[in-house]
Amino acid sequence: MKFRLGHAAASEGDVLSFEEQVGLKLPDDYRSFLLRHNGGRPEKNVLTLNGERWALNELYGLGDAAGLVDSLAACNDVLDGRIPRGFVAIGDTPGGDQFLLASQDSDAHGVYIFDHENEPETADIPWTEFPNLIFVADSFDQVLGMLSDE
């Protein structure tokens, strides 16, 4: 799969630093993605879930260079206290919904869409009680395999 506007490949130290910042351990497949691509806009970006189409606008990267995809750290700072504990925002839709990845520290697994239109009043609830989470796939790699160009 091809990605554009990604940051330079992340180092193991970059990934570890981000994990320390958010206090979570990232799944291995997503760590590998950061080390290889470090974010980007996927060439194929359409997901179909239960007959509904979703566009994956971009996957965040470790860095903050102008003109590239958004910063993974900055986006998670903005969403702190809004998304379920144990999850990391890894990308977005053109409309501002977030793609969330369950960390290895969570009792959840996989990737979810966080529908920002139906955000709960507080994030201080178990992840299973978030009414706006839409399950996408069991793993990050599975999501990449689901992407198409239409």
C-alpha atoms as a PDB file:
ATOM      1  CA  MET A   1       0.000   0.000   0.000  1.00  0.00           C
ATOM      2  CA  LYS A   2       1.225   3.487  -0.851  1.00  0.00           C
ATOM      3  CA  PHE A   3       0.984   6.523   1.425  1.00  0.00           C
ATOM      4  CA  ARG A   4       1.696  10.159   0.672  1.00  0.00           C
ATOM      5  CA  LEU A   5       2.527  13.126   2.908  1.00  0.00           C
ATOM      6  CA  GLY A   6       3.899  10.883   5.662  1.00  0.00           C
ATOM      7  CA  HIS A   7       6.742  11.884   7.931  1.00  0.00           C
ATOM      8  CA  ALA A   8      10.227  10.398   7.632  1.00  0.00           C
ATOM      9  CA  ALA A   9      10.359   6.852   9.009  1.00  0.00           C
ATOM     10  CA  ALA A  10      10.155   6.799  12.795  1.00  0.00           C
ATOM     11  CA  SER A  11      12.867   5.256  14.918  1.00  0.00           C
ATOM     12  CA  GLU A  12      12.312   2.760  17.711  1.00  0.00           C
ATOM     13  CA  GLY A  13      13.188   5.592  20.106  1.00  0.00           C
ATOM     14  CA  ASP A  14      10.477   7.813  18.572  1.00  0.00           C
ATOM     15  CA  VAL A  15       7.873   5.096  19.085  1.00  0.00           C
ATOM     16  CA  LEU A  16       9.006   4.401  22.652  1.00  0.00           C
ATOM     17  CA  SER A  17       8.899   8.114  23.444  1.00  0.00           C
ATOM     18  CA  PHE A  18       5.311   8.367  22.185  1.00  0.00           C
ATOM     19  CA  GLU A  19       4.299   5.278  24.164  1.00  0.00           C
ATOM     20  CA  GLU A  20       5.773   6.864  27.284  1.00  0.00           C
ATOM     21  CA  GLN A  21       3.970  10.139  26.561  1.00  0.00           C
ATOM     22  CA  VAL A  22       0.545   8.473  26.318  1.00  0.00           C
ATOM     23  CA  GLY A  23       1.315   5.778  28.880  1.00  0.00           C
ATOM     24  CA  LEU A  24       0.272   2.944  26.560  1.00  0.00           C
ATOM     25  CA  LYS A  25       1.914   0.106  24.609  1.00  0.00           C
ATOM     26  CA  LEU A  26       1.057   0.078  20.904  1.00  0.00           C
ATOM     27  CA  PRO A  27       0.198  -3.174  19.090  1.00  0.00           C
ATOM     28  CA  ASP A  28       3.086  -4.637  17.089  1.00  0.00           C
ATOM     29  CA  ASP A  29       1.472  -4.200  13.658  1.00  0.00           C
ATOM     30  CA  TYR A  30       0.897  -0.487  14.255  1.00  0.00           C
ATOM     31  CA  ARG A  31       4.427  -0.019  15.644  1.00  0.00           C
ATOM     32  CA  SER A  32       5.757  -1.607  12.431  1.00  0.00           C
ATOM     33  CA  PHE A  33       3.658   0.809  10.366  1.00  0.00           C
ATOM     34  CA  LEU A  34       5.159   3.797  12.197  1.00  0.00           C
ATOM     35  CA  LEU A  35       8.676   2.445  11.700  1.00  0.00           C
ATOM     36  CA  ARG A  36       8.046   1.887   7.956  1.00  0.00           C
ATOM     37  CA  HIS A  37       5.711   4.708   6.906  1.00  0.00           C
ATOM     38  CA  ASN A  38       5.163   6.996   9.921  1.00  0.00           C
ATOM     39  CA  GLY A  39       1.723   8.140   8.887  1.00  0.00           C
ATOM     40  CA  GLY A  40       0.391   9.297   5.579  1.00  0.00           C
ATOM     41  CA  ARG A  41      -2.638   9.529   3.368  1.00  0.00           C
ATOM     42  CA  PRO A  42      -3.411   6.088   1.951  1.00  0.00           C
ATOM     43  CA  GLU A  43      -3.746   5.772  -1.811  1.00  0.00           C
ATOM     44  CA  LYS A  44      -6.739   3.494  -1.230  1.00  0.00           C
ATOM     45  CA  ASN A  45      -8.841   5.080   1.490  1.00  0.00           C
ATOM     46  CA  VAL A  46     -12.416   3.738   1.448  1.00  0.00           C
ATOM     47  CA  LEU A  47     -13.779   1.320   4.065  1.00  0.00           C
ATOM     48  CA  THR A  48     -17.191  -0.295   3.790  1.00  0.00           C
ATOM     49  CA  LEU A  49     -18.753  -1.301   7.113  1.00  0.00           C
ATOM     50  CA  ASN A  50     -22.243  -2.788   7.192  1.00  0.00           C
ATOM     51  CA  GLY A  51     -22.992  -1.205   3.817  1.00  0.00           C
ATOM     52  CA  GLU A  52     -21.816   2.256   4.906  1.00  0.00           C
ATOM     53  CA  ARG A  53     -18.761   3.846   3.310  1.00  0.00           C
ATOM     54  CA  TRP A  54     -16.128   5.599   5.412  1.00  0.00           C
ATOM     55  CA  ALA A  55     -13.108   7.483   4.081  1.00  0.00           C
ATOM     56  CA  LEU A  56      -9.797   7.259   5.907  1.00  0.00           C
ATOM     57  CA  ASN A  57      -8.446  10.768   5.389  1.00  0.00           C
ATOM     58  CA  GLU A  58      -5.050  10.306   6.993  1.00  0.00           C
ATOM     59  CA  LEU A  59      -3.057   8.261   9.461  1.00  0.00           C
ATOM     60  CA  TYR A  60      -1.193  10.449  11.932  1.00  0.00           C
ATOM     61  CA  GLY A  61       2.584  10.313  12.203  1.00  0.00           C
ATOM     62  CA  LEU A  62       5.323  10.985  14.725  1.00  0.00           C
ATOM     63  CA  GLY A  63       6.486  14.464  13.792  1.00  0.00           C
ATOM     64  CA  ASP A  64       5.113  17.922  13.209  1.00  0.00           C
ATOM     65  CA  ALA A  65       6.590  19.101   9.914  1.00  0.00           C
ATOM     66  CA  ALA A  66       4.382  21.541   8.004  1.00  0.00           C
ATOM     67  CA  GLY A  67       2.601  20.202   4.936  1.00  0.00           C
ATOM     68  CA  LEU A  68       2.562  16.590   6.120  1.00  0.00           C
ATOM     69  CA  VAL A  69      -0.034  14.544   8.001  1.00  0.00           C
ATOM     70  CA  ASP A  70      -1.016  15.625  11.503  1.00  0.00           C
ATOM     71  CA  SER A  71       1.063  14.788  14.544  1.00  0.00           C
ATOM     72  CA  LEU A  72       0.088  11.655  16.449  1.00  0.00           C
ATOM     73  CA  ALA A  73       1.150  13.278  19.729  1.00  0.00           C
ATOM     74  CA  ALA A  74      -0.682  16.571  19.119  1.00  0.00           C
ATOM     75  CA  CYS A  75      -3.925  14.874  18.071  1.00  0.00           C
ATOM     76  CA  ASN A  76      -3.890  12.646  21.135  1.00  0.00           C
ATOM     77  CA  ASP A  77      -3.233  15.660  23.367  1.00  0.00           C
ATOM     78  CA  VAL A  78      -6.334  17.361  21.936  1.00  0.00           C
ATOM     79  CA  LEU A  79      -8.438  14.216  22.413  1.00  0.00           C
ATOM     80  CA  ASP A  80      -7.196  13.432  25.925  1.00  0.00           C
ATOM     81  CA  GLY A  81     -10.233  13.126  28.180  1.00  0.00           C
ATOM     82  CA  ARG A  82     -12.587  12.629  25.223  1.00  0.00           C
ATOM     83  CA  ILE A  83     -11.700   9.155  23.957  1.00  0.00           C
ATOM     84  CA  PRO A  84     -11.808   5.936  26.002  1.00  0.00           C
ATOM     85  CA  ARG A  85      -8.863   5.120  28.260  1.00  0.00           C
ATOM     86  CA  GLY A  86      -6.554   2.574  26.669  1.00  0.00           C
ATOM     87  CA  PHE A  87      -7.128   3.876  23.123  1.00  0.00           C
ATOM     88  CA  VAL A  88      -4.974   5.991  20.799  1.00  0.00           C
ATOM     89  CA  ALA A  89      -6.288   8.165  17.957  1.00  0.00           C
ATOM     90  CA  ILE A  90      -4.373   7.099  14.848  1.00  0.00           C
ATOM     91  CA  GLY A  91      -6.219   8.854  12.015  1.00  0.00           C
ATOM     92  CA  ASP A  92      -9.351  10.628  10.911  1.00  0.00           C
ATOM     93  CA  THR A  93     -12.121  10.889   8.353  1.00  0.00           C
ATOM     94  CA  PRO A  94     -12.620  14.040   6.253  1.00  0.00           C
ATOM     95  CA  GLY A  95     -15.540  14.907   8.573  1.00  0.00           C
ATOM     96  CA  GLY A  96     -13.469  14.740  11.763  1.00  0.00           C
ATOM     97  CA  ASP A  97     -14.384  11.309  13.114  1.00  0.00           C
ATOM     98  CA  GLN A  98     -11.375   9.556  14.618  1.00  0.00           C
ATOM     99  CA  PHE A  99      -9.922   6.112  14.009  1.00  0.00           C
ATOM    100  CA  LEU A 100      -9.002   4.697  17.418  1.00  0.00           C
ATOM    101  CA  LEU A 101      -6.646   1.813  18.115  1.00  0.00           C
ATOM    102  CA  ALA A 102      -6.918  -0.217  21.305  1.00  0.00           C
ATOM    103  CA  SER A 103      -3.542  -0.403  23.018  1.00  0.00           C
ATOM    104  CA  GLN A 104      -2.007  -3.591  24.369  1.00  0.00           C
ATOM    105  CA  ASP A 105      -2.884  -2.236  27.826  1.00  0.00           C
ATOM    106  CA  SER A 106      -6.620  -2.232  27.100  1.00  0.00           C
ATOM    107  CA  ASP A 107      -9.087  -5.072  27.538  1.00  0.00           C
ATOM    108  CA  ALA A 108     -10.414  -4.040  24.120  1.00  0.00           C
ATOM    109  CA  HIS A 109      -8.755  -5.016  20.860  1.00  0.00           C
ATOM    110  CA  GLY A 110      -8.713  -3.719  17.324  1.00  0.00           C
ATOM    111  CA  VAL A 111      -9.656  -0.514  15.560  1.00  0.00           C
ATOM    112  CA  TYR A 112     -12.796   1.569  16.019  1.00  0.00           C
ATOM    113  CA  ILE A 113     -14.303   4.708  14.537  1.00  0.00           C
ATOM    114  CA  PHE A 114     -15.085   7.377  17.138  1.00  0.00           C
ATOM    115  CA  ASP A 115     -18.159   9.217  15.815  1.00  0.00           C
ATOM    116  CA  HIS A 116     -17.614  12.755  17.108  1.00  0.00           C
ATOM    117  CA  GLU A 117     -21.248  13.723  16.452  1.00  0.00           C
ATOM    118  CA  ASN A 118     -22.392  11.359  19.221  1.00  0.00           C
ATOM    119  CA  GLU A 119     -19.589  11.896  21.715  1.00  0.00           C
ATOM    120  CA  PRO A 120     -20.551  11.150  25.337  1.00  0.00           C
ATOM    121  CA  GLU A 121     -20.508  13.962  27.908  1.00  0.00           C
ATOM    122  CA  THR A 122     -17.639  12.302  29.757  1.00  0.00           C
ATOM    123  CA  ALA A 123     -14.880   9.878  28.858  1.00  0.00           C
ATOM    124  CA  ASP A 124     -14.780   8.661  32.447  1.00  0.00           C
ATOM    125  CA  ILE A 125     -16.782   5.546  31.601  1.00  0.00           C
ATOM    126  CA  PRO A 126     -15.749   2.043  30.491  1.00  0.00           C
ATOM    127  CA  TRP A 127     -14.990   1.838  26.773  1.00  0.00           C
ATOM    128  CA  THR A 128     -17.901  -0.584  26.330  1.00  0.00           C
ATOM    129  CA  GLU A 129     -20.314   2.208  27.331  1.00  0.00           C
ATOM    130  CA  PHE A 130     -19.214   4.658  24.635  1.00  0.00           C
ATOM    131  CA  PRO A 131     -22.273   4.869  22.348  1.00  0.00           C
ATOM    132  CA  ASN A 132     -20.250   6.330  19.496  1.00  0.00           C
ATOM    133  CA  LEU A 133     -17.673   3.576  18.911  1.00  0.00           C
ATOM    134  CA  ILE A 134     -18.039   1.628  15.677  1.00  0.00           C
ATOM    135  CA  PHE A 135     -15.980  -1.559  15.438  1.00  0.00           C
ATOM    136  CA  VAL A 136     -13.874  -1.692  12.272  1.00  0.00           C
ATOM    137  CA  ALA A 137     -11.452  -4.622  12.527  1.00  0.00           C
ATOM    138  CA  ASP A 138      -9.494  -6.852  14.897  1.00  0.00           C
ATOM    139  CA  SER A 139      -6.139  -5.283  13.997  1.00  0.00           C
ATOM    140  CA  PHE A 140      -4.497  -2.333  12.286  1.00  0.00           C
ATOM    141  CA  ASP A 141      -3.172  -4.569   9.499  1.00  0.00           C
ATOM    142  CA  GLN A 142      -6.706  -5.829   8.903  1.00  0.00           C
ATOM    143  CA  VAL A 143      -7.898  -2.247   8.401  1.00  0.00           C
ATOM    144  CA  LEU A 144      -5.201  -1.634   5.795  1.00  0.00           C
ATOM    145  CA  GLY A 145      -6.305  -4.806   4.007  1.00  0.00           C
ATOM    146  CA  MET A 146      -9.919  -3.594   3.947  1.00  0.00           C
ATOM    147  CA  LEU A 147      -9.148  -0.299   2.182  1.00  0.00           C
ATOM    148  CA  SER A 148     -10.244   0.108  -1.421  1.00  0.00           C
ATOM    149  CA  ASP A 149     -10.352   2.966  -3.900  1.00  0.00           C
ATOM    150  CA  GLU A 150     -14.145   3.034  -4.166  1.00  0.00           C
END
